[in-house]
PDB file of N, CA and C in Angstrom:
ATOM      1  N   MET A   1      -0.255 -12.254 -30.355  1.00  0.00           N
ATOM      2  CA  MET A   1       1.468 -11.685 -29.320  1.00  0.00           C
ATOM      3  C   MET A   1       1.206 -10.722 -28.261  1.00  0.00           C
ATOM      4  N   ALA A   2       1.692 -10.950 -26.865  1.00  0.00           N
ATOM      5  CA  ALA A   2       1.637 -10.316 -25.772  1.00  0.00           C
ATOM      6  C   ALA A   2       2.897  -9.693 -25.596  1.00  0.00           C
ATOM      7  N   GLY A   3       2.951  -8.210 -25.379  1.00  0.00           N
ATOM      8  CA  GLY A   3       4.828  -8.108 -24.883  1.00  0.00           C
ATOM      9  C   GLY A   3       4.446  -6.801 -24.243  1.00  0.00           C
ATOM     10  N   GLY A   4       5.949  -6.251 -24.004  1.00  0.00           N
ATOM     11  CA  GLY A   4       5.523  -4.950 -22.546  1.00  0.00           C
ATOM     12  C   GLY A   4       7.100  -4.279 -22.538  1.00  0.00           C
ATOM     13  N   HIS A   5       7.013  -3.694 -21.801  1.00  0.00           N
ATOM     14  CA  HIS A   5       7.945  -2.620 -21.564  1.00  0.00           C
ATOM     15  C   HIS A   5       7.905  -1.399 -22.158  1.00  0.00           C
ATOM     16  N   THR A   6       6.740  -1.135 -22.709  1.00  0.00           N
ATOM     17  CA  THR A   6       6.833   0.076 -23.281  1.00  0.00           C
ATOM     18  C   THR A   6       5.904   1.202 -22.655  1.00  0.00           C
ATOM     19  N   HIS A   7       5.449   0.538 -21.328  1.00  0.00           N
ATOM     20  CA  HIS A   7       4.281   1.136 -20.511  1.00  0.00           C
ATOM     21  C   HIS A   7       2.915   1.838 -21.382  1.00  0.00           C
ATOM     22  N   LEU A   8       3.019   1.406 -22.691  1.00  0.00           N
ATOM     23  CA  LEU A   8       2.104   1.863 -23.344  1.00  0.00           C
ATOM     24  C   LEU A   8       0.791   1.185 -23.688  1.00  0.00           C
ATOM     25  N   GLN A   9      -0.147   0.698 -22.998  1.00  0.00           N
ATOM     26  CA  GLN A   9      -0.991  -0.018 -22.858  1.00  0.00           C
ATOM     27  C   GLN A   9      -1.907  -0.020 -24.381  1.00  0.00           C
ATOM     28  N   MET A  10      -2.129  -1.311 -25.271  1.00  0.00           N
ATOM     29  CA  MET A  10      -2.371  -1.236 -26.583  1.00  0.00           C
ATOM     30  C   MET A  10      -2.802  -2.644 -26.757  1.00  0.00           C
ATOM     31  N   LEU A  11      -3.912  -2.735 -28.057  1.00  0.00           N
ATOM     32  CA  LEU A  11      -4.591  -3.863 -28.259  1.00  0.00           C
ATOM     33  C   LEU A  11      -4.741  -3.482 -29.967  1.00  0.00           C
ATOM     34  N   ARG A  12      -3.751  -4.033 -30.670  1.00  0.00           N
ATOM     35  CA  ARG A  12      -4.120  -4.021 -32.307  1.00  0.00           C
ATOM     36  C   ARG A  12      -4.022  -5.301 -33.082  1.00  0.00           C
ATOM     37  N   GLN A  13      -4.712  -4.898 -34.186  1.00  0.00           N
ATOM     38  CA  GLN A  13      -4.683  -6.296 -35.397  1.00  0.00           C
ATOM     39  C   GLN A  13      -3.732  -5.855 -36.479  1.00  0.00           C
ATOM     40  N   HIS A  14      -2.582  -6.830 -36.615  1.00  0.00           N
ATOM     41  CA  HIS A  14      -1.563  -6.237 -37.764  1.00  0.00           C
ATOM     42  C   HIS A  14      -1.699  -7.911 -38.451  1.00  0.00           C
ATOM     43  N   ARG A  15      -2.049  -7.719 -39.717  1.00  0.00           N
ATOM     44  CA  ARG A  15      -2.333  -8.714 -40.460  1.00  0.00           C
ATOM     45  C   ARG A  15      -2.910 -10.400 -39.998  1.00  0.00           C
ATOM     46  N   GLY A  16      -4.152  -9.870 -39.613  1.00  0.00           N
ATOM     47  CA  GLY A  16      -4.513 -11.182 -38.897  1.00  0.00           C
ATOM     48  C   GLY A  16      -4.116 -11.780 -37.374  1.00  0.00           C
ATOM     49  N   ASN A  17      -3.244 -10.880 -36.999  1.00  0.00           N
ATOM     50  CA  ASN A  17      -2.894 -11.384 -35.365  1.00  0.00           C
ATOM     51  C   ASN A  17      -3.256 -10.328 -34.526  1.00  0.00           C
ATOM     52  N   LEU A  18      -3.656 -10.467 -33.338  1.00  0.00           N
ATOM     53  CA  LEU A  18      -3.612  -9.688 -32.350  1.00  0.00           C
ATOM     54  C   LEU A  18      -2.442  -9.480 -31.739  1.00  0.00           C
ATOM     55  N   LEU A  19      -2.168  -7.846 -31.746  1.00  0.00           N
ATOM     56  CA  LEU A  19      -1.121  -7.430 -30.873  1.00  0.00           C
ATOM     57  C   LEU A  19      -1.340  -6.862 -29.454  1.00  0.00           C
ATOM     58  N   LEU A  20      -0.634  -7.103 -28.477  1.00  0.00           N
ATOM     59  CA  LEU A  20      -1.268  -7.074 -26.867  1.00  0.00           C
ATOM     60  C   LEU A  20       0.040  -6.022 -26.113  1.00  0.00           C
ATOM     61  N   ASN A  21      -0.422  -5.008 -25.862  1.00  0.00           N
ATOM     62  CA  ASN A  21       0.734  -4.695 -24.486  1.00  0.00           C
ATOM     63  C   ASN A  21      -0.047  -4.253 -23.449  1.00  0.00           C
ATOM     64  N   VAL A  22       0.090  -5.057 -22.238  1.00  0.00           N
ATOM     65  CA  VAL A  22      -0.898  -4.955 -21.599  1.00  0.00           C
ATOM     66  C   VAL A  22      -0.917  -3.721 -20.648  1.00  0.00           C
ATOM     67  N   GLY A  23       0.362  -2.758 -20.843  1.00  0.00           N
ATOM     68  CA  GLY A  23       0.429  -1.619 -19.856  1.00  0.00           C
ATOM     69  C   GLY A  23       1.448  -1.586 -18.832  1.00  0.00           C
ATOM     70  N   SER A  24       0.873  -1.008 -17.835  1.00  0.00           N
ATOM     71  CA  SER A  24       1.764  -1.274 -16.761  1.00  0.00           C
ATOM     72  C   SER A  24       0.924  -0.786 -15.096  1.00  0.00           C
ATOM     73  N   VAL A  25       1.287  -2.097 -14.646  1.00  0.00           N
ATOM     74  CA  VAL A  25       0.672  -1.505 -12.954  1.00  0.00           C
ATOM     75  C   VAL A  25       0.982  -0.460 -12.398  1.00  0.00           C
ATOM     76  N   GLY A  26       2.373  -0.329 -12.180  1.00  0.00           N
ATOM     77  CA  GLY A  26       3.176   0.506 -11.532  1.00  0.00           C
ATOM     78  C   GLY A  26       3.358   2.219 -12.208  1.00  0.00           C
ATOM     79  N   MET A  27       3.628   1.922 -13.389  1.00  0.00           N
ATOM     80  CA  MET A  27       3.879   3.324 -14.599  1.00  0.00           C
ATOM     81  C   MET A  27       3.513   3.207 -15.759  1.00  0.00           C
ATOM     82  N   PRO A  28       2.252   3.363 -15.504  1.00  0.00           N
ATOM     83  CA  PRO A  28       1.751   3.520 -16.964  1.00  0.00           C
ATOM     84  C   PRO A  28       1.645   4.796 -17.780  1.00  0.00           C
ATOM     85  N   PHE A  29       2.446   5.098 -18.707  1.00  0.00           N
ATOM     86  CA  PHE A  29       2.476   5.801 -19.532  1.00  0.00           C
ATOM     87  C   PHE A  29       1.522   6.461 -20.310  1.00  0.00           C
ATOM     88  N   LYS A  30       1.449   7.708 -20.150  1.00  0.00           N
ATOM     89  CA  LYS A  30       0.237   8.369 -21.425  1.00  0.00           C
ATOM     90  C   LYS A  30       0.738   8.900 -22.794  1.00  0.00           C
ATOM     91  N   GLU A  31       1.729   8.767 -22.933  1.00  0.00           N
ATOM     92  CA  GLU A  31       2.469   9.077 -23.905  1.00  0.00           C
ATOM     93  C   GLU A  31       4.156   9.158 -23.736  1.00  0.00           C
ATOM     94  N   TYR A  32       4.931   8.761 -24.664  1.00  0.00           N
ATOM     95  CA  TYR A  32       6.226   8.792 -24.949  1.00  0.00           C
ATOM     96  C   TYR A  32       6.686   9.030 -26.201  1.00  0.00           C
ATOM     97  N   VAL A  33       7.392  10.403 -25.837  1.00  0.00           N
ATOM     98  CA  VAL A  33       8.169  10.680 -27.202  1.00  0.00           C
ATOM     99  C   VAL A  33       9.253  10.399 -26.939  1.00  0.00           C
ATOM    100  N   ALA A  34      10.386   9.518 -27.480  1.00  0.00           N
ATOM    101  CA  ALA A  34      11.718   9.518 -27.912  1.00  0.00           C
ATOM    102  C   ALA A  34      12.619  10.676 -27.651  1.00  0.00           C
ATOM    103  N   GLY A  35      13.612  10.816 -26.505  1.00  0.00           N
ATOM    104  CA  GLY A  35      14.394  11.691 -26.260  1.00  0.00           C
ATOM    105  C   GLY A  35      13.558  12.746 -25.256  1.00  0.00           C
ATOM    106  N   GLY A  36      12.518  12.465 -24.618  1.00  0.00           N
ATOM    107  CA  GLY A  36      11.213  13.316 -23.524  1.00  0.00           C
ATOM    108  C   GLY A  36      11.323  12.566 -22.684  1.00  0.00           C
ATOM    109  N   ARG A  37      10.922  12.969 -21.260  1.00  0.00           N
ATOM    110  CA  ARG A  37      10.284  12.569 -20.254  1.00  0.00           C
ATOM    111  C   ARG A  37       8.445  11.672 -20.705  1.00  0.00           C
ATOM    112  N   PRO A  38       8.516  10.720 -20.263  1.00  0.00           N
ATOM    113  CA  PRO A  38       6.804  10.501 -20.386  1.00  0.00           C
ATOM    114  C   PRO A  38       6.019  11.316 -19.295  1.00  0.00           C
ATOM    115  N   THR A  39       4.714  11.185 -19.795  1.00  0.00           N
ATOM    116  CA  THR A  39       4.295  11.377 -18.699  1.00  0.00           C
ATOM    117  C   THR A  39       3.032  10.277 -18.017  1.00  0.00           C
ATOM    118  N   ILE A  40       3.246  10.208 -17.003  1.00  0.00           N
ATOM    119  CA  ILE A  40       2.956   9.245 -16.184  1.00  0.00           C
ATOM    120  C   ILE A  40       1.058   9.254 -15.531  1.00  0.00           C
ATOM    121  N   LEU A  41       0.630   7.973 -15.667  1.00  0.00           N
ATOM    122  CA  LEU A  41      -1.050   7.952 -15.458  1.00  0.00           C
ATOM    123  C   LEU A  41      -1.229   7.430 -14.109  1.00  0.00           C
ATOM    124  N   ALA A  42      -1.976   8.003 -13.342  1.00  0.00           N
ATOM    125  CA  ALA A  42      -2.233   8.079 -11.762  1.00  0.00           C
ATOM    126  C   ALA A  42      -3.481   6.416 -11.941  1.00  0.00           C
ATOM    127  N   HIS A  43      -3.114   5.821 -12.356  1.00  0.00           N
ATOM    128  CA  HIS A  43      -4.148   4.291 -12.765  1.00  0.00           C
ATOM    129  C   HIS A  43      -2.999   3.174 -13.054  1.00  0.00           C
ATOM    130  N   ALA A  44      -3.478   2.144 -12.226  1.00  0.00           N
ATOM    131  CA  ALA A  44      -2.572   0.736 -12.984  1.00  0.00           C
ATOM    132  C   ALA A  44      -3.402   0.229 -14.264  1.00  0.00           C
ATOM    133  N   GLU A  45      -3.076  -0.331 -15.143  1.00  0.00           N
ATOM    134  CA  GLU A  45      -2.945  -0.905 -16.219  1.00  0.00           C
ATOM    135  C   GLU A  45      -2.896  -2.265 -16.166  1.00  0.00           C
ATOM    136  N   TYR A  46      -3.921  -3.329 -17.064  1.00  0.00           N
ATOM    137  CA  TYR A  46      -3.707  -4.645 -16.943  1.00  0.00           C
ATOM    138  C   TYR A  46      -4.650  -5.328 -17.987  1.00  0.00           C
ATOM    139  N   ALA A  47      -4.484  -6.221 -18.385  1.00  0.00           N
ATOM    140  CA  ALA A  47      -5.202  -6.832 -19.145  1.00  0.00           C
ATOM    141  C   ALA A  47      -5.732  -8.530 -18.825  1.00  0.00           C
ATOM    142  N   VAL A  48      -6.760  -9.191 -18.944  1.00  0.00           N
ATOM    143  CA  VAL A  48      -7.208 -10.429 -19.347  1.00  0.00           C
ATOM    144  C   VAL A  48      -7.608 -11.096 -20.406  1.00  0.00           C
ATOM    145  N   VAL A  49      -6.770 -11.739 -20.998  1.00  0.00           N
ATOM    146  CA  VAL A  49      -6.660 -12.540 -21.654  1.00  0.00           C
ATOM    147  C   VAL A  49      -7.589 -14.029 -21.680  1.00  0.00           C
ATOM    148  N   GLU A  50      -8.937 -14.455 -22.611  1.00  0.00           N
ATOM    149  CA  GLU A  50      -9.155 -15.753 -22.090  1.00  0.00           C
ATOM    150  C   GLU A  50      -9.377 -16.441 -23.861  1.00  0.00           C
ATOM    151  N   GLN A  51      -9.316 -17.749 -23.224  1.00  0.00           N
ATOM    152  CA  GLN A  51      -9.181 -18.549 -24.822  1.00  0.00           C
ATOM    153  C   GLN A  51     -10.480 -19.742 -24.734  1.00  0.00           C
ATOM    154  N   THR A  52     -11.099 -19.507 -25.758  1.00  0.00           N
ATOM    155  CA  THR A  52     -12.055 -21.044 -25.871  1.00  0.00           C
ATOM    156  C   THR A  52     -11.442 -21.572 -27.378  1.00  0.00           C
ATOM    157  N   ALA A  53     -12.006 -22.730 -27.541  1.00  0.00           N
ATOM    158  CA  ALA A  53     -11.976 -23.587 -28.624  1.00  0.00           C
ATOM    159  C   ALA A  53     -11.896 -22.766 -30.030  1.00  0.00           C
ATOM    160  N   THR A  54     -12.591 -21.454 -29.440  1.00  0.00           N
ATOM    161  CA  THR A  54     -13.002 -20.875 -30.930  1.00  0.00           C
ATOM    162  C   THR A  54     -12.796 -19.400 -30.807  1.00  0.00           C
ATOM    163  N   ALA A  55     -12.387 -18.851 -29.912  1.00  0.00           N
ATOM    164  CA  ALA A  55     -12.097 -17.458 -29.576  1.00  0.00           C
ATOM    165  C   ALA A  55     -11.509 -17.089 -28.843  1.00  0.00           C
ATOM    166  N   VAL A  56     -10.412 -15.851 -28.750  1.00  0.00           N
ATOM    167  CA  VAL A  56      -9.868 -15.088 -27.941  1.00  0.00           C
ATOM    168  C   VAL A  56     -10.305 -13.841 -27.714  1.00  0.00           C
ATOM    169  N   THR A  57     -10.478 -13.993 -26.071  1.00  0.00           N
ATOM    170  CA  THR A  57     -11.389 -12.439 -25.695  1.00  0.00           C
ATOM    171  C   THR A  57      -9.905 -12.141 -24.882  1.00  0.00           C
ATOM    172  N   VAL A  58      -9.762 -10.426 -25.428  1.00  0.00           N
ATOM    173  CA  VAL A  58      -9.049  -9.577 -24.704  1.00  0.00           C
ATOM    174  C   VAL A  58      -9.970  -8.540 -23.826  1.00  0.00           C
ATOM    175  N   CYS A  59      -9.372  -8.152 -22.669  1.00  0.00           N
ATOM    176  CA  CYS A  59     -10.539  -7.348 -21.949  1.00  0.00           C
ATOM    177  C   CYS A  59      -9.023  -6.245 -21.210  1.00  0.00           C
ATOM    178  N   LEU A  60      -9.228  -5.161 -21.745  1.00  0.00           N
ATOM    179  CA  LEU A  60      -8.049  -4.246 -21.061  1.00  0.00           C
ATOM    180  C   LEU A  60      -8.647  -3.158 -19.865  1.00  0.00           C
ATOM    181  N   PHE A  61      -7.790  -2.814 -18.874  1.00  0.00           N
ATOM    182  CA  PHE A  61      -8.191  -2.394 -17.845  1.00  0.00           C
ATOM    183  C   PHE A  61      -7.552  -1.410 -17.020  1.00  0.00           C
ATOM    184  N   ARG A  62      -8.096  -0.100 -16.223  1.00  0.00           N
ATOM    185  CA  ARG A  62      -7.587   0.696 -16.023  1.00  0.00           C
ATOM    186  C   ARG A  62      -8.110   0.926 -14.549  1.00  0.00           C
ATOM    187  N   LEU A  63      -7.338   0.418 -13.360  1.00  0.00           N
ATOM    188  CA  LEU A  63      -8.103   1.154 -12.095  1.00  0.00           C
ATOM    189  C   LEU A  63      -6.822   2.281 -11.508  1.00  0.00           C
ATOM    190  N   ARG A  64      -8.322   3.291 -10.958  1.00  0.00           N
ATOM    191  CA  ARG A  64      -7.986   4.424 -10.457  1.00  0.00           C
ATOM    192  C   ARG A  64      -7.187   4.403  -9.286  1.00  0.00           C
ATOM    193  N   LEU A  65      -6.059   4.894  -9.419  1.00  0.00           N
ATOM    194  CA  LEU A  65      -5.352   4.724  -7.907  1.00  0.00           C
ATOM    195  C   LEU A  65      -5.166   6.128  -7.166  1.00  0.00           C
ATOM    196  N   ASP A  66      -5.216   6.481  -5.912  1.00  0.00           N
ATOM    197  CA  ASP A  66      -5.131   7.559  -4.881  1.00  0.00           C
ATOM    198  C   ASP A  66      -3.997   8.149  -5.304  1.00  0.00           C
ATOM    199  N   ARG A  67      -3.975   9.496  -5.899  1.00  0.00           N
ATOM    200  CA  ARG A  67      -2.954  10.209  -5.765  1.00  0.00           C
ATOM    201  C   ARG A  67      -1.759  10.896  -4.541  1.00  0.00           C
ATOM    202  N   THR A  68      -2.863  11.127  -3.680  1.00  0.00           N
ATOM    203  CA  THR A  68      -2.130  11.688  -2.574  1.00  0.00           C
ATOM    204  C   THR A  68      -1.601  10.453  -1.946  1.00  0.00           C
ATOM    205  N   ALA A  69      -2.264   9.027  -1.881  1.00  0.00           N
ATOM    206  CA  ALA A  69      -1.193   8.087  -1.253  1.00  0.00           C
ATOM    207  C   ALA A  69      -0.143   8.061  -2.058  1.00  0.00           C
ATOM    208  N   LEU A  70      -0.126   7.832  -3.266  1.00  0.00           N
ATOM    209  CA  LEU A  70       0.843   7.837  -4.323  1.00  0.00           C
ATOM    210  C   LEU A  70       1.900   8.708  -3.835  1.00  0.00           C
ATOM    211  N   GLN A  71       1.737  10.123  -3.637  1.00  0.00           N
ATOM    212  CA  GLN A  71       2.516  11.337  -3.295  1.00  0.00           C
ATOM    213  C   GLN A  71       3.280  10.957  -1.843  1.00  0.00           C
ATOM    214  N   ASN A  72       2.258  10.402  -1.081  1.00  0.00           N
ATOM    215  CA  ASN A  72       3.114  10.373   0.437  1.00  0.00           C
ATOM    216  C   ASN A  72       3.865   8.965   0.299  1.00  0.00           C
ATOM    217  N   SER A  73       3.265   7.694  -0.215  1.00  0.00           N
ATOM    218  CA  SER A  73       4.189   6.506  -0.447  1.00  0.00           C
ATOM    219  C   SER A  73       5.665   6.893  -0.903  1.00  0.00           C
ATOM    220  N   LEU A  74       5.725   7.792  -2.105  1.00  0.00           N
ATOM    221  CA  LEU A  74       6.871   8.202  -2.400  1.00  0.00           C
ATOM    222  C   LEU A  74       8.317   9.180  -1.720  1.00  0.00           C
ATOM    223  N   GLY A  75       7.103   9.847  -1.012  1.00  0.00           N
ATOM    224  CA  GLY A  75       8.007  11.045  -0.176  1.00  0.00           C
ATOM    225  C   GLY A  75       8.754   9.817   0.991  1.00  0.00           C
ATOM    226  N   GLU A  76       8.226   8.740   1.027  1.00  0.00           N
ATOM    227  CA  GLU A  76       8.896   8.544   2.130  1.00  0.00           C
ATOM    228  C   GLU A  76      10.069   7.204   1.900  1.00  0.00           C
ATOM    229  N   THR A  77      10.426   7.167   0.247  1.00  0.00           N
ATOM    230  CA  THR A  77      11.179   6.426  -0.474  1.00  0.00           C
ATOM    231  C   THR A  77      12.667   7.024  -0.575  1.00  0.00           C
ATOM    232  N   HIS A  78      13.929   6.692  -0.715  1.00  0.00           N
ATOM    233  CA  HIS A  78      15.034   7.251  -1.476  1.00  0.00           C
ATOM    234  C   HIS A  78      15.579   7.069  -2.834  1.00  0.00           C
ATOM    235  N   ASN A  79      13.610   6.455  -3.339  1.00  0.00           N
ATOM    236  CA  ASN A  79      13.937   6.587  -5.248  1.00  0.00           C
ATOM    237  C   ASN A  79      14.662   7.871  -5.851  1.00  0.00           C
ATOM    238  N   PRO A  80      15.568   7.744  -6.566  1.00  0.00           N
ATOM    239  CA  PRO A  80      16.458   9.057  -7.113  1.00  0.00           C
ATOM    240  C   PRO A  80      15.296   9.480  -8.178  1.00  0.00           C
ATOM    241  N   LEU A  81      14.424   8.788  -8.417  1.00  0.00           N
ATOM    242  CA  LEU A  81      12.818  10.092  -9.195  1.00  0.00           C
ATOM    243  C   LEU A  81      12.145  10.466  -8.493  1.00  0.00           C
ATOM    244  N   ARG A  82      12.277  10.429  -7.167  1.00  0.00           N
ATOM    245  CA  ARG A  82      10.911  10.632  -6.052  1.00  0.00           C
ATOM    246  C   ARG A  82      10.759  12.249  -6.510  1.00  0.00           C
ATOM    247  N   ALA A  83      11.278  12.864  -6.533  1.00  0.00           N
ATOM    248  CA  ALA A  83      10.378  14.845  -7.032  1.00  0.00           C
ATOM    249  C   ALA A  83       9.923  14.751  -8.009  1.00  0.00           C
ATOM    250  N   TRP A  84      10.442  14.062  -8.853  1.00  0.00           N
ATOM    251  CA  TRP A  84       9.651  13.680 -10.497  1.00  0.00           C
ATOM    252  C   TRP A  84       8.322  12.999 -10.669  1.00  0.00           C
ATOM    253  N   LEU A  85       8.347  11.849  -9.569  1.00  0.00           N
ATOM    254  CA  LEU A  85       7.161  11.439  -9.460  1.00  0.00           C
ATOM    255  C   LEU A  85       6.553  12.003  -8.277  1.00  0.00           C
ATOM    256  N   ILE A  86       6.668  12.486  -7.892  1.00  0.00           N
ATOM    257  CA  ILE A  86       5.668  12.980  -6.574  1.00  0.00           C
ATOM    258  C   ILE A  86       4.892  14.048  -7.700  1.00  0.00           C
ATOM    259  N   GLN A  87       5.966  15.012  -8.610  1.00  0.00           N
ATOM    260  CA  GLN A  87       5.278  15.928  -9.265  1.00  0.00           C
ATOM    261  C   GLN A  87       4.134  15.224 -10.412  1.00  0.00           C
ATOM    262  N   GLN A  88       4.598  14.117 -11.000  1.00  0.00           N
ATOM    263  CA  GLN A  88       3.596  13.424 -11.914  1.00  0.00           C
ATOM    264  C   GLN A  88       2.239  13.222 -11.548  1.00  0.00           C
ATOM    265  N   TYR A  89       2.280  12.952 -10.182  1.00  0.00           N
ATOM    266  CA  TYR A  89       0.911  12.396  -9.495  1.00  0.00           C
ATOM    267  C   TYR A  89       0.169  13.376  -9.086  1.00  0.00           C
ATOM    268  N   SER A  90       0.491  14.690  -9.025  1.00  0.00           N
ATOM    269  CA  SER A  90       0.173  16.082  -8.378  1.00  0.00           C
ATOM    270  C   SER A  90      -0.804  16.615  -9.187  1.00  0.00           C
TER     271      SER A  90
END
């Protein structure tokens, strides 16, 4: 089973089933505690899932991003979270 929206990459087994969250390409979280602000990581996260007749393979990937480029790009936006996001990538 695959899902998302938590921004937290994970792969777990539960009662014989694989549970997958691919993470987030644009805003992956290191951790998130309800009521608090998340810590954003400076990399993109994604997964590749392959299925054959006999197996399912899941590979989780992280691709490091250029923090300076992220800050510069955010500085040119009107995103209401701009200042906080720039701080996250410092």
